Amino acid sequence: MKIAYTARKVNLKDNFKELCEKKLSKFNKIFSEDATASVVVTLYKNRQTVEVTVSDNGMIYRAEDTQDEMNDALDKVVDILGRQLRKNKTRLSRRLRDNTADFTAILPDEDIEDEEEFDIRYKTIPVKPISVEEAILQMNMLNHDFFVFINAETNETNVVYKRKGNTYGLLEPEV
């Protein structure tokens, strides 16, 4: 697994990078050699946020945590990734084995402040048709509130989203 580090308002020491590589190496047996991990560490008001995003065979796994110490946040993030993988083990193994997914998801940018003019960030996402259940799985793994995808049954662009009461919604275009 290739690991890329990004530090925002903080300097990363070599011992943190070594610890990160050691902790993420336990996932090497799950991910292929082509997997890439992005580790972003951000300092904000004496709290450190560690965000890890792993991309492999078109699937994206993401976890984020904020603690007083970046090592503690890293421990929590690795635990969260492990829980995600265990929870979805059968589906993930089938998806990785079949290698049918070929899409990337929108990752959250920094919060946009309220201004007169909007600061709009554009992203493009290549997508392959997937089922509604797979879209919900991907949305939950990314810890997002919505997910845009092409529905395999209708071949239309759809959006799944989280609703109150732990339910999901599906937006379909009216033709």
Protein backbone atom coordinates (compact mmCIF):
# COMPACT_ATOMS: atom_id res chain seq x y z
CA MET A 1 0.00 0.00 0.00
CA LYS A 2 1.31 3.42 -0.95
CA ILE A 3 0.78 6.11 1.69
CA ALA A 4 0.69 9.86 0.98
CA TYR A 5 0.82 12.34 3.86
CA THR A 6 -0.66 15.82 4.04
CA ALA A 7 -0.11 18.12 7.01
CA ARG A 8 -2.26 21.20 7.55
CA LYS A 9 -1.01 23.70 10.14
CA VAL A 10 1.19 21.00 11.72
CA ASN A 11 4.55 19.35 11.05
CA LEU A 12 4.58 15.57 10.79
CA LYS A 13 7.48 13.80 12.43
CA ASP A 14 9.08 10.65 11.06
CA ASN A 15 7.99 8.60 14.08
CA PHE A 16 4.32 9.43 13.34
CA LYS A 17 4.79 8.34 9.72
CA GLU A 18 6.43 5.09 10.86
CA LEU A 19 3.59 4.46 13.33
CA CYS A 20 1.04 5.17 10.62
CA GLU A 21 2.73 2.74 8.21
CA LYS A 22 2.90 0.08 10.94
CA LYS A 23 -0.79 0.43 11.84
CA LEU A 24 -2.00 0.52 8.24
CA SER A 25 0.19 -2.47 7.31
CA LYS A 26 -2.28 -4.75 9.11
CA PHE A 27 -4.69 -4.04 6.24
CA ASN A 28 -2.16 -5.15 3.58
CA LYS A 29 -3.65 -8.65 3.49
CA ILE A 30 -7.07 -7.15 2.65
CA PHE A 31 -6.04 -4.58 0.05
CA SER A 32 -4.11 -5.13 -3.17
CA GLU A 33 -0.58 -3.84 -3.72
CA ASP A 34 -1.99 -1.01 -5.84
CA ALA A 35 -4.01 0.40 -2.93
CA THR A 36 -3.27 3.99 -1.99
CA ALA A 37 -3.81 5.58 1.40
CA SER A 38 -4.05 9.30 1.99
CA VAL A 39 -3.33 10.47 5.54
CA VAL A 40 -4.32 14.06 6.30
CA VAL A 41 -3.44 15.58 9.69
CA THR A 42 -4.97 18.95 10.58
CA LEU A 43 -4.36 21.09 13.65
CA TYR A 44 -7.31 23.24 14.71
CA LYS A 45 -7.56 24.96 18.11
CA ASN A 46 -5.07 22.58 19.78
CA ARG A 47 -7.06 19.55 18.55
CA GLN A 48 -5.60 17.27 15.91
CA THR A 49 -7.70 15.58 13.26
CA VAL A 50 -6.44 12.52 11.43
CA GLU A 51 -8.26 11.47 8.27
CA VAL A 52 -7.33 8.30 6.39
CA THR A 53 -8.75 7.52 2.96
CA VAL A 54 -7.85 4.20 1.33
CA SER A 55 -8.60 3.63 -2.37
CA ASP A 56 -8.44 0.12 -3.79
CA ASN A 57 -10.03 -1.39 -6.90
CA GLY A 58 -12.42 1.53 -7.23
CA MET A 59 -13.69 1.27 -3.65
CA ILE A 60 -12.96 4.00 -1.11
CA TYR A 61 -12.74 3.53 2.65
CA ARG A 62 -12.56 6.60 4.87
CA ALA A 63 -12.30 7.33 8.58
CA GLU A 64 -11.68 10.50 10.55
CA ASP A 65 -11.21 11.33 14.23
CA THR A 66 -10.18 14.34 16.33
CA GLN A 67 -8.19 14.07 19.56
CA ASP A 68 -5.73 16.12 21.59
CA GLU A 69 -2.86 13.97 20.28
CA MET A 70 -2.47 12.83 16.67
CA ASN A 71 -1.32 9.34 17.77
CA ASP A 72 -4.57 8.85 19.70
CA ALA A 73 -6.57 10.05 16.69
CA LEU A 74 -4.64 7.62 14.47
CA ASP A 75 -5.50 4.73 16.81
CA LYS A 76 -9.20 5.61 16.63
CA VAL A 77 -9.10 5.95 12.83
CA VAL A 78 -7.48 2.51 12.42
CA ASP A 79 -10.16 1.04 14.72
CA ILE A 80 -12.92 2.69 12.67
CA LEU A 81 -11.46 1.35 9.41
CA GLY A 82 -11.20 -2.12 10.95
CA ARG A 83 -14.85 -2.00 12.07
CA GLN A 84 -15.96 -0.87 8.59
CA LEU A 85 -14.08 -3.73 6.97
CA ARG A 86 -15.36 -6.34 9.45
CA LYS A 87 -18.94 -5.08 9.13
CA ASN A 88 -18.92 -5.34 5.38
CA LYS A 89 -16.49 -8.26 5.03
CA THR A 90 -18.52 -10.46 2.69
CA ARG A 91 -19.62 -7.68 0.38
CA LEU A 92 -16.16 -6.15 0.29
CA SER A 93 -14.43 -9.46 -0.44
CA ARG A 94 -16.87 -10.11 -3.29
CA ARG A 95 -16.37 -6.58 -4.68
CA LEU A 96 -12.58 -6.77 -4.41
CA ARG A 97 -12.54 -10.26 -5.95
CA ASP A 98 -14.84 -9.33 -8.82
CA ASN A 99 -13.17 -5.93 -9.29
CA THR A 100 -16.40 -4.57 -10.77
CA ALA A 101 -16.39 -1.20 -9.03
CA ASP A 102 -14.75 1.66 -10.89
CA PHE A 103 -15.81 4.90 -9.27
CA THR A 104 -14.58 7.51 -6.84
CA ALA A 105 -16.61 9.51 -4.39
CA ILE A 106 -16.61 13.16 -3.51
CA LEU A 107 -14.53 13.82 -0.44
CA PRO A 108 -15.51 16.69 1.82
CA ASP A 109 -13.63 19.94 1.39
CA GLU A 110 -13.07 22.46 4.13
CA ASP A 111 -16.18 24.30 5.30
CA ILE A 112 -17.27 27.17 3.08
CA GLU A 113 -17.79 30.39 5.01
CA ASP A 114 -20.91 32.47 4.43
CA GLU A 115 -19.98 35.27 2.04
CA GLU A 116 -21.73 37.36 -0.57
CA GLU A 117 -20.10 35.30 -3.32
CA PHE A 118 -20.07 31.53 -3.12
CA ASP A 119 -16.77 29.68 -3.29
CA ILE A 120 -17.78 26.72 -5.44
CA ARG A 121 -15.51 23.72 -5.79
CA TYR A 122 -16.08 21.50 -8.80
CA LYS A 123 -15.25 17.81 -8.83
CA THR A 124 -15.81 15.16 -11.43
CA ILE A 125 -16.48 11.56 -10.56
CA PRO A 126 -16.23 8.70 -13.03
CA VAL A 127 -18.94 6.19 -12.19
CA LYS A 128 -20.01 2.69 -13.15
CA PRO A 129 -23.56 1.45 -12.65
CA ILE A 130 -24.11 -0.06 -9.20
CA SER A 131 -27.12 -1.20 -7.18
CA VAL A 132 -28.85 0.97 -4.60
CA GLU A 133 -27.59 -1.29 -1.79
CA GLU A 134 -23.98 -0.90 -2.98
CA ALA A 135 -24.42 2.88 -3.12
CA ILE A 136 -25.69 2.90 0.48
CA LEU A 137 -22.73 0.73 1.51
CA GLN A 138 -20.29 3.13 -0.19
CA MET A 139 -21.99 6.17 1.40
CA ASN A 140 -21.76 4.58 4.86
CA MET A 141 -18.10 3.64 4.39
CA LEU A 142 -17.32 7.24 3.44
CA ASN A 143 -19.37 8.49 6.39
CA HIS A 144 -21.26 10.89 4.11
CA ASP A 145 -24.89 12.00 4.17
CA PHE A 146 -25.49 11.43 0.43
CA PHE A 147 -23.98 9.60 -2.52
CA VAL A 148 -24.41 10.16 -6.28
CA PHE A 149 -24.32 7.07 -8.52
CA ILE A 150 -25.68 5.50 -11.71
CA ASN A 151 -28.41 3.00 -10.90
CA ALA A 152 -27.61 -0.39 -12.51
CA GLU A 153 -31.31 -1.19 -12.97
CA THR A 154 -32.43 2.06 -14.61
CA ASN A 155 -29.09 3.35 -15.96
CA GLU A 156 -30.06 6.80 -14.57
CA THR A 157 -28.18 9.08 -12.19
CA ASN A 158 -29.59 8.67 -8.66
CA VAL A 159 -28.79 9.98 -5.20
CA VAL A 160 -29.09 8.03 -1.95
CA TYR A 161 -29.19 9.99 1.29
CA LYS A 162 -29.57 9.51 5.03
CA ARG A 163 -32.90 10.45 6.60
CA LYS A 164 -33.85 10.99 10.20
CA GLY A 165 -34.57 7.82 12.14
CA ASN A 166 -31.74 5.80 10.51
CA THR A 167 -33.59 5.39 7.22
CA TYR A 168 -32.43 6.09 3.67
CA GLY A 169 -33.90 7.98 0.77
CA LEU A 170 -33.45 7.56 -2.97
CA LEU A 171 -33.78 10.45 -5.43
CA GLU A 172 -34.63 9.40 -8.98
CA PRO A 173 -35.05 11.75 -11.93
CA GLU A 174 -38.57 12.04 -13.34
CA VAL A 175 -38.57 11.41 -17.07
